[in-house]
N, C-alpha and C. Protein backbone atom coordinates (compact mmCIF):
# COMPACT_ATOMS: atom_id res chain seq x y z
N MET A 1 8.81 -9.49 11.79
CA MET A 1 7.55 -9.96 11.27
C MET A 1 7.70 -11.44 10.91
N PRO A 2 6.73 -12.24 11.27
CA PRO A 2 6.83 -13.68 10.99
C PRO A 2 6.77 -13.99 9.49
N HIS A 3 7.39 -15.11 9.13
CA HIS A 3 7.46 -15.54 7.73
C HIS A 3 6.68 -16.83 7.50
N ILE A 4 6.12 -16.93 6.31
CA ILE A 4 5.52 -18.16 5.82
C ILE A 4 6.28 -18.50 4.54
N SER A 5 6.81 -19.68 4.45
CA SER A 5 7.51 -20.05 3.22
C SER A 5 6.49 -20.39 2.15
N ALA A 6 6.88 -20.21 0.91
CA ALA A 6 5.98 -20.55 -0.20
C ALA A 6 5.62 -22.03 -0.14
N ASN A 7 6.57 -22.86 0.31
CA ASN A 7 6.30 -24.29 0.42
C ASN A 7 5.24 -24.56 1.49
N ASP A 8 5.34 -23.90 2.65
CA ASP A 8 4.31 -24.05 3.68
C ASP A 8 2.94 -23.62 3.15
N LEU A 9 2.94 -22.55 2.41
CA LEU A 9 1.69 -22.06 1.83
C LEU A 9 1.13 -23.07 0.83
N LYS A 10 2.02 -23.66 0.05
CA LYS A 10 1.59 -24.66 -0.93
C LYS A 10 1.01 -25.89 -0.24
N VAL A 11 1.64 -26.32 0.84
CA VAL A 11 1.21 -27.53 1.55
C VAL A 11 -0.01 -27.27 2.43
N LYS A 12 0.03 -26.20 3.20
CA LYS A 12 -1.01 -25.94 4.19
C LYS A 12 -2.11 -25.00 3.71
N GLY A 13 -1.85 -24.24 2.65
CA GLY A 13 -2.86 -23.34 2.11
C GLY A 13 -3.19 -22.18 3.04
N VAL A 14 -4.43 -21.77 3.00
CA VAL A 14 -4.89 -20.62 3.76
C VAL A 14 -4.74 -20.83 5.26
N VAL A 15 -4.75 -22.08 5.70
CA VAL A 15 -4.59 -22.38 7.12
C VAL A 15 -3.26 -21.82 7.64
N ALA A 16 -2.21 -21.86 6.82
CA ALA A 16 -0.91 -21.31 7.22
C ALA A 16 -1.00 -19.80 7.44
N ILE A 17 -1.73 -19.14 6.56
CA ILE A 17 -1.91 -17.69 6.70
C ILE A 17 -2.74 -17.38 7.93
N GLU A 18 -3.85 -18.08 8.11
CA GLU A 18 -4.70 -17.84 9.27
C GLU A 18 -3.95 -18.05 10.57
N ALA A 19 -3.10 -19.06 10.63
CA ALA A 19 -2.33 -19.33 11.85
C ALA A 19 -1.38 -18.18 12.15
N MET A 20 -0.73 -17.66 11.12
CA MET A 20 0.20 -16.55 11.32
C MET A 20 -0.52 -15.27 11.73
N LEU A 21 -1.67 -15.03 11.14
CA LEU A 21 -2.40 -13.79 11.42
C LEU A 21 -3.20 -13.85 12.72
N ALA A 22 -3.20 -15.00 13.38
CA ALA A 22 -3.94 -15.11 14.63
C ALA A 22 -3.35 -14.23 15.72
N ASN A 23 -2.04 -13.97 15.65
CA ASN A 23 -1.37 -13.22 16.72
C ASN A 23 -0.72 -11.91 16.27
N GLN A 24 -0.73 -11.63 14.98
CA GLN A 24 -0.16 -10.38 14.48
C GLN A 24 -0.91 -9.94 13.25
N PRO A 25 -0.85 -8.65 12.91
CA PRO A 25 -1.66 -8.13 11.81
C PRO A 25 -1.13 -8.45 10.41
N GLU A 26 0.16 -8.80 10.31
CA GLU A 26 0.77 -9.03 9.00
C GLU A 26 1.74 -10.20 9.07
N ALA A 27 1.98 -10.82 7.92
CA ALA A 27 2.99 -11.88 7.81
C ALA A 27 3.63 -11.80 6.43
N ILE A 28 4.89 -12.17 6.37
CA ILE A 28 5.64 -12.14 5.12
C ILE A 28 5.65 -13.53 4.51
N ILE A 29 5.45 -13.59 3.20
CA ILE A 29 5.60 -14.85 2.47
C ILE A 29 6.96 -14.80 1.77
N SER A 30 7.79 -15.80 2.06
CA SER A 30 9.10 -15.84 1.42
C SER A 30 9.11 -16.92 0.34
N VAL A 31 9.79 -16.60 -0.75
CA VAL A 31 9.93 -17.52 -1.87
C VAL A 31 11.42 -17.75 -2.09
N ARG A 32 11.83 -19.00 -1.97
CA ARG A 32 13.24 -19.38 -2.10
C ARG A 32 14.12 -18.56 -1.16
N GLY A 33 13.62 -18.34 0.05
CA GLY A 33 14.39 -17.64 1.07
C GLY A 33 14.36 -16.12 0.99
N LYS A 34 13.66 -15.56 0.00
CA LYS A 34 13.60 -14.11 -0.15
C LYS A 34 12.19 -13.62 0.17
N GLU A 35 12.12 -12.52 0.92
CA GLU A 35 10.82 -11.93 1.23
C GLU A 35 10.19 -11.40 -0.05
N ARG A 36 8.96 -11.85 -0.35
CA ARG A 36 8.33 -11.45 -1.61
C ARG A 36 6.97 -10.78 -1.43
N PHE A 37 6.18 -11.22 -0.45
CA PHE A 37 4.82 -10.72 -0.31
C PHE A 37 4.48 -10.49 1.16
N VAL A 38 3.51 -9.64 1.40
CA VAL A 38 2.97 -9.45 2.74
C VAL A 38 1.49 -9.76 2.68
N VAL A 39 1.00 -10.53 3.64
CA VAL A 39 -0.43 -10.80 3.73
C VAL A 39 -0.95 -10.21 5.04
N MET A 40 -2.20 -9.79 5.01
CA MET A 40 -2.83 -9.22 6.20
C MET A 40 -4.33 -9.42 6.09
N ASP A 41 -5.00 -9.30 7.22
CA ASP A 41 -6.45 -9.42 7.14
C ASP A 41 -7.03 -8.11 6.60
N MET A 42 -8.27 -8.15 6.19
CA MET A 42 -8.89 -6.99 5.54
C MET A 42 -9.00 -5.79 6.48
N GLU A 43 -9.21 -6.04 7.75
CA GLU A 43 -9.30 -4.93 8.71
C GLU A 43 -7.99 -4.14 8.73
N GLN A 44 -6.86 -4.84 8.76
CA GLN A 44 -5.55 -4.18 8.73
C GLN A 44 -5.34 -3.46 7.41
N TYR A 45 -5.74 -4.08 6.31
CA TYR A 45 -5.61 -3.45 5.00
C TYR A 45 -6.39 -2.14 4.94
N HIS A 46 -7.64 -2.18 5.39
CA HIS A 46 -8.47 -0.97 5.37
C HIS A 46 -7.88 0.11 6.28
N TYR A 47 -7.32 -0.28 7.41
CA TYR A 47 -6.68 0.67 8.31
C TYR A 47 -5.49 1.34 7.61
N LEU A 48 -4.65 0.56 6.96
CA LEU A 48 -3.49 1.12 6.27
C LEU A 48 -3.91 2.02 5.11
N ARG A 49 -4.94 1.63 4.38
CA ARG A 49 -5.44 2.48 3.29
C ARG A 49 -5.94 3.81 3.83
N GLU A 50 -6.65 3.77 4.96
CA GLU A 50 -7.14 5.00 5.57
C GLU A 50 -5.98 5.90 5.99
N CYS A 51 -4.93 5.30 6.56
CA CYS A 51 -3.74 6.08 6.93
C CYS A 51 -3.10 6.72 5.70
N GLU A 52 -3.03 5.97 4.63
CA GLU A 52 -2.45 6.48 3.39
C GLU A 52 -3.26 7.65 2.85
N LEU A 53 -4.57 7.53 2.88
CA LEU A 53 -5.43 8.61 2.40
C LEU A 53 -5.35 9.84 3.30
N GLU A 54 -5.26 9.63 4.60
CA GLU A 54 -5.10 10.76 5.53
C GLU A 54 -3.79 11.49 5.28
N ALA A 55 -2.72 10.75 5.02
CA ALA A 55 -1.42 11.36 4.73
C ALA A 55 -1.48 12.17 3.43
N ALA A 56 -2.16 11.65 2.42
CA ALA A 56 -2.30 12.37 1.15
C ALA A 56 -3.11 13.64 1.35
N LEU A 57 -4.16 13.57 2.14
CA LEU A 57 -4.98 14.75 2.42
C LEU A 57 -4.16 15.80 3.17
N ALA A 58 -3.37 15.38 4.14
CA ALA A 58 -2.53 16.31 4.89
C ALA A 58 -1.51 16.98 3.96
N GLN A 59 -0.93 16.21 3.04
CA GLN A 59 0.04 16.78 2.09
C GLN A 59 -0.65 17.78 1.16
N THR A 60 -1.85 17.45 0.72
CA THR A 60 -2.60 18.36 -0.15
C THR A 60 -2.91 19.67 0.56
N ARG A 61 -3.33 19.58 1.81
CA ARG A 61 -3.61 20.79 2.60
C ARG A 61 -2.36 21.64 2.75
N THR A 62 -1.23 21.01 2.98
CA THR A 62 0.04 21.73 3.10
C THR A 62 0.39 22.41 1.78
N ASP A 63 0.24 21.67 0.68
CA ASP A 63 0.53 22.25 -0.64
C ASP A 63 -0.35 23.46 -0.91
N LEU A 64 -1.63 23.36 -0.60
CA LEU A 64 -2.55 24.49 -0.81
C LEU A 64 -2.16 25.68 0.06
N ALA A 65 -1.85 25.42 1.32
CA ALA A 65 -1.49 26.50 2.24
C ALA A 65 -0.20 27.20 1.81
N GLU A 66 0.72 26.47 1.19
CA GLU A 66 2.00 27.03 0.79
C GLU A 66 2.02 27.47 -0.67
N GLY A 67 0.86 27.42 -1.32
CA GLY A 67 0.77 27.91 -2.69
C GLY A 67 1.37 27.01 -3.75
N ARG A 68 1.54 25.74 -3.45
CA ARG A 68 2.11 24.80 -4.43
C ARG A 68 0.99 24.15 -5.24
N PHE A 69 0.39 24.94 -6.11
CA PHE A 69 -0.65 24.43 -6.99
C PHE A 69 -0.74 25.34 -8.21
N VAL A 70 -1.41 24.87 -9.23
CA VAL A 70 -1.56 25.63 -10.47
C VAL A 70 -3.04 25.67 -10.81
N LYS A 71 -3.54 26.85 -11.12
CA LYS A 71 -4.92 26.99 -11.59
C LYS A 71 -4.89 27.09 -13.11
N GLY A 72 -5.88 26.48 -13.74
CA GLY A 72 -5.96 26.57 -15.19
C GLY A 72 -7.06 25.70 -15.74
N SER A 73 -7.24 25.80 -17.01
CA SER A 73 -8.27 25.02 -17.69
C SER A 73 -7.77 23.61 -17.95
N PRO A 74 -8.68 22.71 -18.29
CA PRO A 74 -8.25 21.35 -18.67
C PRO A 74 -7.29 21.37 -19.86
N GLU A 75 -7.54 22.25 -20.79
CA GLU A 75 -6.66 22.35 -21.97
C GLU A 75 -5.25 22.78 -21.57
N GLU A 76 -5.16 23.73 -20.65
CA GLU A 76 -3.84 24.17 -20.17
C GLU A 76 -3.13 23.03 -19.44
N HIS A 77 -3.89 22.27 -18.70
CA HIS A 77 -3.31 21.13 -17.98
C HIS A 77 -2.75 20.10 -18.97
N VAL A 78 -3.51 19.78 -19.99
CA VAL A 78 -3.04 18.82 -21.00
C VAL A 78 -1.80 19.36 -21.69
N ALA A 79 -1.76 20.64 -21.99
CA ALA A 79 -0.60 21.25 -22.62
C ALA A 79 0.63 21.13 -21.72
N ARG A 80 0.46 21.34 -20.40
CA ARG A 80 1.58 21.20 -19.46
C ARG A 80 2.07 19.75 -19.44
N LEU A 81 1.15 18.79 -19.45
CA LEU A 81 1.53 17.38 -19.45
C LEU A 81 2.32 17.03 -20.71
N LYS A 82 1.84 17.51 -21.85
CA LYS A 82 2.55 17.22 -23.12
C LYS A 82 3.92 17.86 -23.14
N ALA A 83 4.05 19.06 -22.58
CA ALA A 83 5.33 19.75 -22.56
C ALA A 83 6.31 19.03 -21.63
N ALA A 84 5.81 18.41 -20.58
CA ALA A 84 6.67 17.71 -19.63
C ALA A 84 7.14 16.35 -20.16
N ALA A 85 6.44 15.81 -21.12
CA ALA A 85 6.77 14.46 -21.64
C ALA A 85 7.93 14.49 -22.60
């Protein structure tokens, strides 16, 4: 994945990000030689969020199918949370 240095970002601003994202969906911003941040356009962000939500939904369906859930009242739920703390 291509890198943008913090100094390039400071000097060139958003233009540096736009140039990097022109040919790929993501770019890494490095600070003092260490990878620190990832930037992407909103379309890529929304795509990744959708993938994340689909994965969570699939996991929930699996948990339900395999009986990994608890039924109870809100009060029982709060009691379980307090007991776990």
